[in-house]
Amino acid sequence: MIGSDIQNKHSVFISCKDHTVSKEQFDLLYDPEKQMLTTFPKPDLKDLPGFYKSKDYISHTDSKKTLIEKIYHQVKKHMLLRKLKWIERKYPEIGNLLDIGAGTGDFLNEAKKRGWKVHGIEPDTEARKRALDKGIKLSVNSHNFKSGKFDVITMWHVLEHVHDLKSQIIELEHLLKKNGLLVIAVPNYKSYDAQYYKEFWAAYDVPRHLWHFSQQSFKPLFSENGFKQTDLKPLIFDSFYVSLLSEKYKTGRSNFLKAFAIGLKSNIKARSTTEYSSLVYFFRKTK
């Protein structure tokens, strides 16, 4: 009944298929006030793990068998250092860092090498095991973490996955120190590659992605919880990787030249609009 009310209040922006696991169809409902999309129907919390049970769900594996996996991990390796340099320019006093949705622990492993006291949260059992093999022990949840413990909290393509968005933002405010740095990366459905691929855009990734953000979404979501946005950075490689997956969903094959062309066009257009395929938001906790 509640789901029906939500559907009535918001129009269907687009309908997408789960290409990875269930092959089911989902609607993305548009909230004009927040300029945000919501996946409908929203799976129950107990059912969500089933939608991640796929060898193709790349962030929970270190597999490098396919060409797409090899490209993903090469780009990921390159970006780890860039992400940490962004953070250290904004927060030069190295201290406690929490990565939520830490996957197989590569980001925390790199941060640890640079002197950070690292902590991570990852609900997936297999991903935690792979992280432990690298010397990174991850927690299932935040229950054992103290209020105001962390200097920096990061969420790399994780916020779109959380079941209860409001509770997650309140938890971030609770865990971060005053004047601490919050870093959140999410896909941007207003990018050119999203507009080009429409229902085949891989970054919709329903129903694992429950929320789909625009730049206009973030200010109201975070400002009311004591966060002030201080910067915005693009993840320019995402447009190429997402376009490659989108081509496969759309045509059934990996068209590298076409994917590269669309990814490049998306980045070129974003130079004037700032609507990159993925964006990294930087916040300071003001309370």
C-alpha atoms as a PDB file:
ATOM      1  CA  MET A   1       0.000   0.000   0.000  1.00  0.00           C
ATOM      2  CA  ILE A   2       2.825   2.377   0.875  1.00  0.00           C
ATOM      3  CA  GLY A   3       4.574   1.488  -2.377  1.00  0.00           C
ATOM      4  CA  SER A   4       1.430   2.359  -4.323  1.00  0.00           C
ATOM      5  CA  ASP A   5       1.269   5.770  -2.624  1.00  0.00           C
ATOM      6  CA  ILE A   6       4.868   6.490  -3.625  1.00  0.00           C
ATOM      7  CA  GLN A   7       4.153   5.480  -7.199  1.00  0.00           C
ATOM      8  CA  ASN A   8       1.087   7.741  -7.325  1.00  0.00           C
ATOM      9  CA  LYS A   9       3.005  10.773  -6.054  1.00  0.00           C
ATOM     10  CA  HIS A  10       5.868  10.448  -8.548  1.00  0.00           C
ATOM     11  CA  SER A  11       5.846   9.904 -12.291  1.00  0.00           C
ATOM     12  CA  VAL A  12       7.755   7.096 -14.008  1.00  0.00           C
ATOM     13  CA  PHE A  13      10.961   8.580 -15.404  1.00  0.00           C
ATOM     14  CA  ILE A  14      12.097   5.383 -17.141  1.00  0.00           C
ATOM     15  CA  SER A  15      11.742   1.584 -16.823  1.00  0.00           C
ATOM     16  CA  CYS A  16      14.864  -0.608 -16.643  1.00  0.00           C
ATOM     17  CA  LYS A  17      15.733  -4.288 -16.589  1.00  0.00           C
ATOM     18  CA  ASP A  18      17.999  -6.012 -14.101  1.00  0.00           C
ATOM     19  CA  HIS A  19      20.593  -7.287 -16.575  1.00  0.00           C
ATOM     20  CA  THR A  20      22.803  -8.929 -13.941  1.00  0.00           C
ATOM     21  CA  VAL A  21      20.689 -11.310 -11.848  1.00  0.00           C
ATOM     22  CA  SER A  22      16.890 -11.449 -11.938  1.00  0.00           C
ATOM     23  CA  LYS A  23      16.092 -10.048 -15.432  1.00  0.00           C
ATOM     24  CA  GLU A  24      13.098  -8.361 -13.762  1.00  0.00           C
ATOM     25  CA  GLN A  25      11.757  -4.962 -14.794  1.00  0.00           C
ATOM     26  CA  PHE A  26      11.764  -1.942 -12.446  1.00  0.00           C
ATOM     27  CA  ASP A  27      10.450   1.615 -12.710  1.00  0.00           C
ATOM     28  CA  LEU A  28      12.491   4.667 -11.752  1.00  0.00           C
ATOM     29  CA  LEU A  29      10.176   7.218 -10.164  1.00  0.00           C
ATOM     30  CA  TYR A  30      10.995  10.900 -10.469  1.00  0.00           C
ATOM     31  CA  ASP A  31      10.835  13.222  -7.457  1.00  0.00           C
ATOM     32  CA  PRO A  32      10.633  16.747  -8.949  1.00  0.00           C
ATOM     33  CA  GLU A  33      11.409  18.446  -5.636  1.00  0.00           C
ATOM     34  CA  LYS A  34      14.699  16.593  -5.057  1.00  0.00           C
ATOM     35  CA  GLN A  35      15.398  15.867  -8.750  1.00  0.00           C
ATOM     36  CA  MET A  36      16.109  12.303  -7.696  1.00  0.00           C
ATOM     37  CA  LEU A  37      14.954   8.903  -8.948  1.00  0.00           C
ATOM     38  CA  THR A  38      13.791   6.001  -6.789  1.00  0.00           C
ATOM     39  CA  THR A  39      13.741   2.342  -7.851  1.00  0.00           C
ATOM     40  CA  PHE A  40      10.236   0.833  -7.696  1.00  0.00           C
ATOM     41  CA  PRO A  41       9.285  -1.650  -6.462  1.00  0.00           C
ATOM     42  CA  LYS A  42      11.958  -1.360  -3.793  1.00  0.00           C
ATOM     43  CA  PRO A  43      13.045  -4.871  -2.726  1.00  0.00           C
ATOM     44  CA  ASP A  44      12.649  -5.823   0.921  1.00  0.00           C
ATOM     45  CA  LEU A  45      15.873  -5.608   2.914  1.00  0.00           C
ATOM     46  CA  LYS A  46      15.898  -9.381   3.413  1.00  0.00           C
ATOM     47  CA  ASP A  47      15.653  -9.978  -0.345  1.00  0.00           C
ATOM     48  CA  LEU A  48      18.408  -7.570  -1.433  1.00  0.00           C
ATOM     49  CA  PRO A  49      21.397  -9.945  -0.923  1.00  0.00           C
ATOM     50  CA  GLY A  50      19.945 -12.234  -3.588  1.00  0.00           C
ATOM     51  CA  PHE A  51      20.325  -9.508  -6.204  1.00  0.00           C
ATOM     52  CA  TYR A  52      24.097  -9.401  -5.569  1.00  0.00           C
ATOM     53  CA  LYS A  53      24.669 -13.129  -6.074  1.00  0.00           C
ATOM     54  CA  SER A  54      26.374 -13.021  -9.431  1.00  0.00           C
ATOM     55  CA  LYS A  55      29.917 -13.652 -10.653  1.00  0.00           C
ATOM     56  CA  ASP A  56      29.383 -10.515 -12.760  1.00  0.00           C
ATOM     57  CA  TYR A  57      29.020  -8.263  -9.708  1.00  0.00           C
ATOM     58  CA  ILE A  58      32.506  -6.883 -10.074  1.00  0.00           C
ATOM     59  CA  SER A  59      33.028  -4.867  -6.862  1.00  0.00           C
ATOM     60  CA  HIS A  60      32.732  -8.024  -4.725  1.00  0.00           C
ATOM     61  CA  THR A  61      35.368  -9.962  -6.660  1.00  0.00           C
ATOM     62  CA  ASP A  62      39.023  -9.618  -7.601  1.00  0.00           C
ATOM     63  CA  SER A  63      38.463 -11.670 -10.764  1.00  0.00           C
ATOM     64  CA  LYS A  64      40.414 -10.538 -13.833  1.00  0.00           C
ATOM     65  CA  LYS A  65      39.266 -13.200 -16.304  1.00  0.00           C
ATOM     66  CA  THR A  66      37.305 -11.126 -18.822  1.00  0.00           C
ATOM     67  CA  LEU A  67      38.549  -8.063 -20.685  1.00  0.00           C
ATOM     68  CA  ILE A  68      35.971  -5.880 -18.915  1.00  0.00           C
ATOM     69  CA  GLU A  69      37.214  -7.138 -15.525  1.00  0.00           C
ATOM     70  CA  LYS A  70      40.816  -6.434 -16.507  1.00  0.00           C
ATOM     71  CA  ILE A  71      39.947  -2.906 -17.625  1.00  0.00           C
ATOM     72  CA  TYR A  72      37.956  -2.313 -14.434  1.00  0.00           C
ATOM     73  CA  HIS A  73      40.828  -3.327 -12.163  1.00  0.00           C
ATOM     74  CA  GLN A  74      43.459  -1.385 -14.105  1.00  0.00           C
ATOM     75  CA  VAL A  75      41.380   1.803 -13.863  1.00  0.00           C
ATOM     76  CA  LYS A  76      40.612   1.065 -10.205  1.00  0.00           C
ATOM     77  CA  LYS A  77      44.334   0.739  -9.398  1.00  0.00           C
ATOM     78  CA  HIS A  78      45.073   4.064 -11.086  1.00  0.00           C
ATOM     79  CA  MET A  79      42.221   5.832  -9.294  1.00  0.00           C
ATOM     80  CA  LEU A  80      43.076   4.651  -5.763  1.00  0.00           C
ATOM     81  CA  LEU A  81      46.042   6.990  -5.528  1.00  0.00           C
ATOM     82  CA  ARG A  82      44.172   9.892  -7.111  1.00  0.00           C
ATOM     83  CA  LYS A  83      41.315   9.529  -4.615  1.00  0.00           C
ATOM     84  CA  LEU A  84      43.705   9.536  -1.662  1.00  0.00           C
ATOM     85  CA  LYS A  85      45.542  12.595  -2.991  1.00  0.00           C
ATOM     86  CA  TRP A  86      42.194  14.433  -3.260  1.00  0.00           C
ATOM     87  CA  ILE A  87      41.473  13.545   0.364  1.00  0.00           C
ATOM     88  CA  GLU A  88      44.912  14.461   1.676  1.00  0.00           C
ATOM     89  CA  ARG A  89      44.836  17.876   0.009  1.00  0.00           C
ATOM     90  CA  LYS A  90      41.604  18.619   1.834  1.00  0.00           C
ATOM     91  CA  TYR A  91      42.492  16.825   5.081  1.00  0.00           C
ATOM     92  CA  PRO A  92      46.311  16.829   5.442  1.00  0.00           C
ATOM     93  CA  GLU A  93      46.317  15.570   9.046  1.00  0.00           C
ATOM     94  CA  ILE A  94      46.332  11.806   8.519  1.00  0.00           C
ATOM     95  CA  GLY A  95      44.110  10.073  11.081  1.00  0.00           C
ATOM     96  CA  ASN A  96      41.147   7.685  11.273  1.00  0.00           C
ATOM     97  CA  LEU A  97      39.501   6.824   7.957  1.00  0.00           C
ATOM     98  CA  LEU A  98      36.291   4.801   7.535  1.00  0.00           C
ATOM     99  CA  ASP A  99      35.315   3.353   4.162  1.00  0.00           C
ATOM    100  CA  ILE A 100      31.664   2.259   4.017  1.00  0.00           C
ATOM    101  CA  GLY A 101      30.998  -0.429   1.434  1.00  0.00           C
ATOM    102  CA  ALA A 102      34.673  -1.296   1.322  1.00  0.00           C
ATOM    103  CA  GLY A 103      34.318  -4.242  -1.068  1.00  0.00           C
ATOM    104  CA  THR A 104      37.515  -6.286  -1.173  1.00  0.00           C
ATOM    105  CA  GLY A 105      39.510  -3.635   0.720  1.00  0.00           C
ATOM    106  CA  ASP A 106      41.757  -2.204  -2.001  1.00  0.00           C
ATOM    107  CA  PHE A 107      41.112   1.451  -1.149  1.00  0.00           C
ATOM    108  CA  LEU A 108      41.761   0.878   2.551  1.00  0.00           C
ATOM    109  CA  ASN A 109      44.862  -1.155   1.764  1.00  0.00           C
ATOM    110  CA  GLU A 110      46.313   1.781  -0.167  1.00  0.00           C
ATOM    111  CA  ALA A 111      45.275   4.260   2.561  1.00  0.00           C
ATOM    112  CA  LYS A 112      46.955   2.064   5.193  1.00  0.00           C
ATOM    113  CA  LYS A 113      50.233   2.196   3.226  1.00  0.00           C
ATOM    114  CA  ARG A 114      50.026   5.991   3.374  1.00  0.00           C
ATOM    115  CA  GLY A 115      49.698   6.024   7.168  1.00  0.00           C
ATOM    116  CA  TRP A 116      45.945   6.173   7.716  1.00  0.00           C
ATOM    117  CA  LYS A 117      44.344   4.222  10.564  1.00  0.00           C
ATOM    118  CA  VAL A 118      41.826   2.359   8.454  1.00  0.00           C
ATOM    119  CA  HIS A 119      38.413   0.915   9.247  1.00  0.00           C
ATOM    120  CA  GLY A 120      35.825  -0.463   6.878  1.00  0.00           C
ATOM    121  CA  ILE A 121      32.274  -1.735   6.641  1.00  0.00           C
ATOM    122  CA  GLU A 122      31.260  -4.422   4.131  1.00  0.00           C
ATOM    123  CA  PRO A 123      28.166  -6.624   4.495  1.00  0.00           C
ATOM    124  CA  ASP A 124      29.195  -9.185   1.850  1.00  0.00           C
ATOM    125  CA  THR A 125      30.907 -12.216   3.412  1.00  0.00           C
ATOM    126  CA  GLU A 126      33.044 -13.178   0.417  1.00  0.00           C
ATOM    127  CA  ALA A 127      34.257  -9.603  -0.102  1.00  0.00           C
ATOM    128  CA  ARG A 128      35.285  -9.420   3.584  1.00  0.00           C
ATOM    129  CA  LYS A 129      37.260 -12.648   3.207  1.00  0.00           C
ATOM    130  CA  ARG A 130      39.120 -11.277   0.203  1.00  0.00           C
ATOM    131  CA  ALA A 131      39.899  -8.088   2.139  1.00  0.00           C
ATOM    132  CA  LEU A 132      41.197 -10.102   5.100  1.00  0.00           C
ATOM    133  CA  ASP A 133      43.603 -11.897   2.746  1.00  0.00           C
ATOM    134  CA  LYS A 134      45.105  -8.434   2.108  1.00  0.00           C
ATOM    135  CA  GLY A 135      45.390  -7.708   5.834  1.00  0.00           C
ATOM    136  CA  ILE A 136      42.262  -5.524   5.980  1.00  0.00           C
ATOM    137  CA  LYS A 137      39.702  -6.561   8.591  1.00  0.00           C
ATOM    138  CA  LEU A 138      36.225  -5.226   7.801  1.00  0.00           C
ATOM    139  CA  SER A 139      33.142  -4.942   9.999  1.00  0.00           C
ATOM    140  CA  VAL A 140      29.664  -6.057   8.976  1.00  0.00           C
ATOM    141  CA  ASN A 141      28.107  -2.823  10.293  1.00  0.00           C
ATOM    142  CA  SER A 142      28.875   0.300  12.331  1.00  0.00           C
ATOM    143  CA  HIS A 143      27.542  -0.929  15.675  1.00  0.00           C
ATOM    144  CA  ASN A 144      30.936  -1.007  17.408  1.00  0.00           C
ATOM    145  CA  PHE A 145      32.113   2.403  16.218  1.00  0.00           C
ATOM    146  CA  LYS A 146      32.005   5.383  18.572  1.00  0.00           C
ATOM    147  CA  SER A 147      30.322   8.687  17.836  1.00  0.00           C
ATOM    148  CA  GLY A 148      32.675  11.306  16.379  1.00  0.00           C
ATOM    149  CA  LYS A 149      35.462   8.778  15.868  1.00  0.00           C
ATOM    150  CA  PHE A 150      36.469   9.424  12.250  1.00  0.00           C
ATOM    151  CA  ASP A 151      38.360  12.242  10.568  1.00  0.00           C
ATOM    152  CA  VAL A 152      37.338  11.070   7.099  1.00  0.00           C
ATOM    153  CA  ILE A 153      34.475   8.873   5.881  1.00  0.00           C
ATOM    154  CA  THR A 154      34.291   7.654   2.293  1.00  0.00           C
ATOM    155  CA  MET A 155      31.546   5.967   0.279  1.00  0.00           C
ATOM    156  CA  TRP A 156      32.683   5.037  -3.219  1.00  0.00           C
ATOM    157  CA  HIS A 157      29.577   4.178  -5.241  1.00  0.00           C
ATOM    158  CA  VAL A 158      27.752   2.961  -2.141  1.00  0.00           C
ATOM    159  CA  LEU A 159      25.106   5.541  -1.187  1.00  0.00           C
ATOM    160  CA  GLU A 160      22.914   4.471  -4.103  1.00  0.00           C
ATOM    161  CA  HIS A 161      22.779   0.969  -2.561  1.00  0.00           C
ATOM    162  CA  VAL A 162      21.654   1.778   1.001  1.00  0.00           C
ATOM    163  CA  HIS A 163      18.147   0.682   1.898  1.00  0.00           C
ATOM    164  CA  ASP A 164      17.320   3.517   4.299  1.00  0.00           C
ATOM    165  CA  LEU A 165      18.829   6.703   2.893  1.00  0.00           C
ATOM    166  CA  LYS A 166      17.775   9.026   5.710  1.00  0.00           C
ATOM    167  CA  SER A 167      19.136   6.741   8.438  1.00  0.00           C
ATOM    168  CA  GLN A 168      22.435   6.383   6.573  1.00  0.00           C
ATOM    169  CA  ILE A 169      22.959  10.153   6.385  1.00  0.00           C
ATOM    170  CA  ILE A 170      22.154  10.502  10.098  1.00  0.00           C
ATOM    171  CA  GLU A 171      24.699   7.744  10.835  1.00  0.00           C
ATOM    172  CA  LEU A 172      27.352   9.576   8.812  1.00  0.00           C
ATOM    173  CA  GLU A 173      26.777  12.711  10.883  1.00  0.00           C
ATOM    174  CA  HIS A 174      27.012  10.601  14.059  1.00  0.00           C
ATOM    175  CA  LEU A 175      30.319   8.901  13.154  1.00  0.00           C
ATOM    176  CA  LEU A 176      32.219  11.850  11.691  1.00  0.00           C
ATOM    177  CA  LYS A 177      34.189  14.315  13.826  1.00  0.00           C
ATOM    178  CA  LYS A 178      33.251  17.983  13.744  1.00  0.00           C
ATOM    179  CA  ASN A 179      34.886  19.585  10.706  1.00  0.00           C
ATOM    180  CA  GLY A 180      35.604  16.075   9.434  1.00  0.00           C
ATOM    181  CA  LEU A 181      35.593  15.250   5.725  1.00  0.00           C
ATOM    182  CA  LEU A 182      32.857  13.211   4.032  1.00  0.00           C
ATOM    183  CA  VAL A 183      33.513  11.940   0.508  1.00  0.00           C
ATOM    184  CA  ILE A 184      30.720  10.382  -1.564  1.00  0.00           C
ATOM    185  CA  ALA A 185      30.883   9.140  -5.165  1.00  0.00           C
ATOM    186  CA  VAL A 186      27.683   8.321  -7.063  1.00  0.00           C
ATOM    187  CA  PRO A 187      26.537   7.942 -10.681  1.00  0.00           C
ATOM    188  CA  ASN A 188      24.870  10.969 -12.259  1.00  0.00           C
ATOM    189  CA  TYR A 189      21.714  10.240 -14.238  1.00  0.00           C
ATOM    190  CA  LYS A 190      21.900  13.676 -15.881  1.00  0.00           C
ATOM    191  CA  SER A 191      25.120  12.799 -17.711  1.00  0.00           C
ATOM    192  CA  TYR A 192      25.215  12.519 -21.491  1.00  0.00           C
ATOM    193  CA  ASP A 193      25.946   8.761 -21.436  1.00  0.00           C
ATOM    194  CA  ALA A 194      22.851   8.234 -19.248  1.00  0.00           C
ATOM    195  CA  GLN A 195      20.727  10.236 -21.677  1.00  0.00           C
ATOM    196  CA  TYR A 196      22.174   8.378 -24.668  1.00  0.00           C
ATOM    197  CA  TYR A 197      21.740   4.821 -23.373  1.00  0.00           C
ATOM    198  CA  LYS A 198      18.411   5.482 -21.596  1.00  0.00           C
ATOM    199  CA  GLU A 199      17.032   2.216 -20.140  1.00  0.00           C
ATOM    200  CA  PHE A 200      20.263   0.392 -21.048  1.00  0.00           C
ATOM    201  CA  TRP A 201      22.473   2.734 -19.001  1.00  0.00           C
ATOM    202  CA  ALA A 202      24.475   0.335 -16.838  1.00  0.00           C
ATOM    203  CA  ALA A 203      24.741   2.722 -13.877  1.00  0.00           C
ATOM    204  CA  TYR A 204      20.994   2.452 -13.207  1.00  0.00           C
ATOM    205  CA  ASP A 205      21.858  -1.128 -12.128  1.00  0.00           C
ATOM    206  CA  VAL A 206      18.392  -1.879 -10.739  1.00  0.00           C
ATOM    207  CA  PRO A 207      17.500  -3.009  -8.131  1.00  0.00           C
ATOM    208  CA  ARG A 208      20.936  -2.898  -6.485  1.00  0.00           C
ATOM    209  CA  HIS A 209      20.846   0.866  -7.018  1.00  0.00           C
ATOM    210  CA  LEU A 210      17.826   2.043  -5.065  1.00  0.00           C
ATOM    211  CA  TRP A 211      18.463   5.794  -5.489  1.00  0.00           C
ATOM    212  CA  HIS A 212      19.653   7.749  -8.507  1.00  0.00           C
ATOM    213  CA  PHE A 213      21.091  11.189  -7.813  1.00  0.00           C
ATOM    214  CA  SER A 214      21.618  14.477  -9.591  1.00  0.00           C
ATOM    215  CA  GLN A 215      23.720  17.395  -8.346  1.00  0.00           C
ATOM    216  CA  GLN A 216      20.502  19.072  -7.220  1.00  0.00           C
ATOM    217  CA  SER A 217      19.691  16.064  -4.997  1.00  0.00           C
ATOM    218  CA  PHE A 218      22.617  16.443  -2.666  1.00  0.00           C
ATOM    219  CA  LYS A 219      22.202  19.867  -1.088  1.00  0.00           C
ATOM    220  CA  PRO A 220      18.786  19.193   0.509  1.00  0.00           C
ATOM    221  CA  LEU A 221      19.786  15.666   1.519  1.00  0.00           C
ATOM    222  CA  PHE A 222      22.921  16.677   3.416  1.00  0.00           C
ATOM    223  CA  SER A 223      22.549  20.314   4.459  1.00  0.00           C
ATOM    224  CA  GLU A 224      19.729  19.521   6.890  1.00  0.00           C
ATOM    225  CA  ASN A 225      22.047  17.063   8.650  1.00  0.00           C
ATOM    226  CA  GLY A 226      24.907  19.481   9.272  1.00  0.00           C
ATOM    227  CA  PHE A 227      27.008  18.995   6.136  1.00  0.00           C
ATOM    228  CA  LYS A 228      28.310  21.695   3.817  1.00  0.00           C
ATOM    229  CA  GLN A 229      29.450  20.802   0.306  1.00  0.00           C
ATOM    230  CA  THR A 230      32.935  22.156  -0.355  1.00  0.00           C
ATOM    231  CA  ASP A 231      33.949  20.613  -3.680  1.00  0.00           C
ATOM    232  CA  LEU A 232      32.961  18.404  -6.612  1.00  0.00           C
ATOM    233  CA  LYS A 233      35.248  16.170  -8.693  1.00  0.00           C
ATOM    234  CA  PRO A 234      34.562  14.034 -11.776  1.00  0.00           C
ATOM    235  CA  LEU A 235      35.412  10.351 -12.171  1.00  0.00           C
ATOM    236  CA  ILE A 236      36.203  10.660 -15.849  1.00  0.00           C
ATOM    237  CA  PHE A 237      36.953   6.973 -16.466  1.00  0.00           C
ATOM    238  CA  ASP A 238      33.462   5.945 -15.364  1.00  0.00           C
ATOM    239  CA  SER A 239      31.845   7.168 -18.579  1.00  0.00           C
ATOM    240  CA  PHE A 240      33.986   4.724 -20.612  1.00  0.00           C
ATOM    241  CA  TYR A 241      33.415   1.731 -18.343  1.00  0.00           C
ATOM    242  CA  VAL A 242      29.679   2.408 -17.990  1.00  0.00           C
ATOM    243  CA  SER A 243      29.337   2.925 -21.750  1.00  0.00           C
ATOM    244  CA  LEU A 244      31.098  -0.393 -22.369  1.00  0.00           C
ATOM    245  CA  LEU A 245      28.625  -2.242 -20.142  1.00  0.00           C
ATOM    246  CA  SER A 246      25.708  -0.274 -21.583  1.00  0.00           C
ATOM    247  CA  GLU A 247      26.681  -1.272 -25.127  1.00  0.00           C
ATOM    248  CA  LYS A 248      26.631  -4.903 -24.055  1.00  0.00           C
ATOM    249  CA  TYR A 249      23.175  -4.515 -22.509  1.00  0.00           C
ATOM    250  CA  LYS A 250      21.860  -2.675 -25.563  1.00  0.00           C
ATOM    251  CA  THR A 251      23.370  -4.707 -28.396  1.00  0.00           C
ATOM    252  CA  GLY A 252      24.444  -7.980 -26.776  1.00  0.00           C
ATOM    253  CA  ARG A 253      28.128  -7.402 -27.532  1.00  0.00           C
ATOM    254  CA  SER A 254      31.030  -5.264 -26.346  1.00  0.00           C
ATOM    255  CA  ASN A 255      31.445  -2.520 -28.929  1.00  0.00           C
ATOM    256  CA  PHE A 256      34.660  -0.912 -27.693  1.00  0.00           C
ATOM    257  CA  LEU A 257      34.912   1.809 -30.321  1.00  0.00           C
ATOM    258  CA  LYS A 258      31.303   2.922 -29.890  1.00  0.00           C
ATOM    259  CA  ALA A 259      31.586   2.815 -26.085  1.00  0.00           C
ATOM    260  CA  PHE A 260      34.788   4.851 -26.181  1.00  0.00           C
ATOM    261  CA  ALA A 261      33.163   7.430 -28.466  1.00  0.00           C
ATOM    262  CA  ILE A 262      30.117   7.847 -26.204  1.00  0.00           C
ATOM    263  CA  GLY A 263      32.282   7.978 -23.052  1.00  0.00           C
ATOM    264  CA  LEU A 264      34.512  10.609 -24.620  1.00  0.00           C
ATOM    265  CA  LYS A 265      31.557  12.671 -25.818  1.00  0.00           C
ATOM    266  CA  SER A 266      30.046  12.524 -22.329  1.00  0.00           C
ATOM    267  CA  ASN A 267      33.247  13.878 -20.771  1.00  0.00           C
ATOM    268  CA  ILE A 268      33.620  16.615 -23.381  1.00  0.00           C
ATOM    269  CA  LYS A 269      30.045  17.810 -22.851  1.00  0.00           C
ATOM    270  CA  ALA A 270      30.542  17.704 -19.085  1.00  0.00           C
ATOM    271  CA  ARG A 271      33.403  20.204 -19.267  1.00  0.00           C
ATOM    272  CA  SER A 272      30.800  22.935 -19.647  1.00  0.00           C
ATOM    273  CA  THR A 273      27.858  21.364 -17.797  1.00  0.00           C
ATOM    274  CA  THR A 274      29.753  19.485 -14.996  1.00  0.00           C
ATOM    275  CA  GLU A 275      27.316  16.593 -15.635  1.00  0.00           C
ATOM    276  CA  TYR A 276      29.913  13.803 -15.657  1.00  0.00           C
ATOM    277  CA  SER A 277      28.911  10.139 -15.605  1.00  0.00           C
ATOM    278  CA  SER A 278      29.997   9.886 -11.962  1.00  0.00           C
ATOM    279  CA  LEU A 279      30.716  12.644  -9.480  1.00  0.00           C
ATOM    280  CA  VAL A 280      32.562  12.804  -6.169  1.00  0.00           C
ATOM    281  CA  TYR A 281      31.030  15.146  -3.569  1.00  0.00           C
ATOM    282  CA  PHE A 282      33.124  16.559  -0.723  1.00  0.00           C
ATOM    283  CA  PHE A 283      31.437  17.742   2.486  1.00  0.00           C
ATOM    284  CA  ARG A 284      32.547  19.170   5.803  1.00  0.00           C
ATOM    285  CA  LYS A 285      30.613  18.435   8.959  1.00  0.00           C
ATOM    286  CA  THR A 286      29.650  21.842  10.354  1.00  0.00           C
ATOM    287  CA  LYS A 287      27.869  20.860  13.590  1.00  0.00           C
END
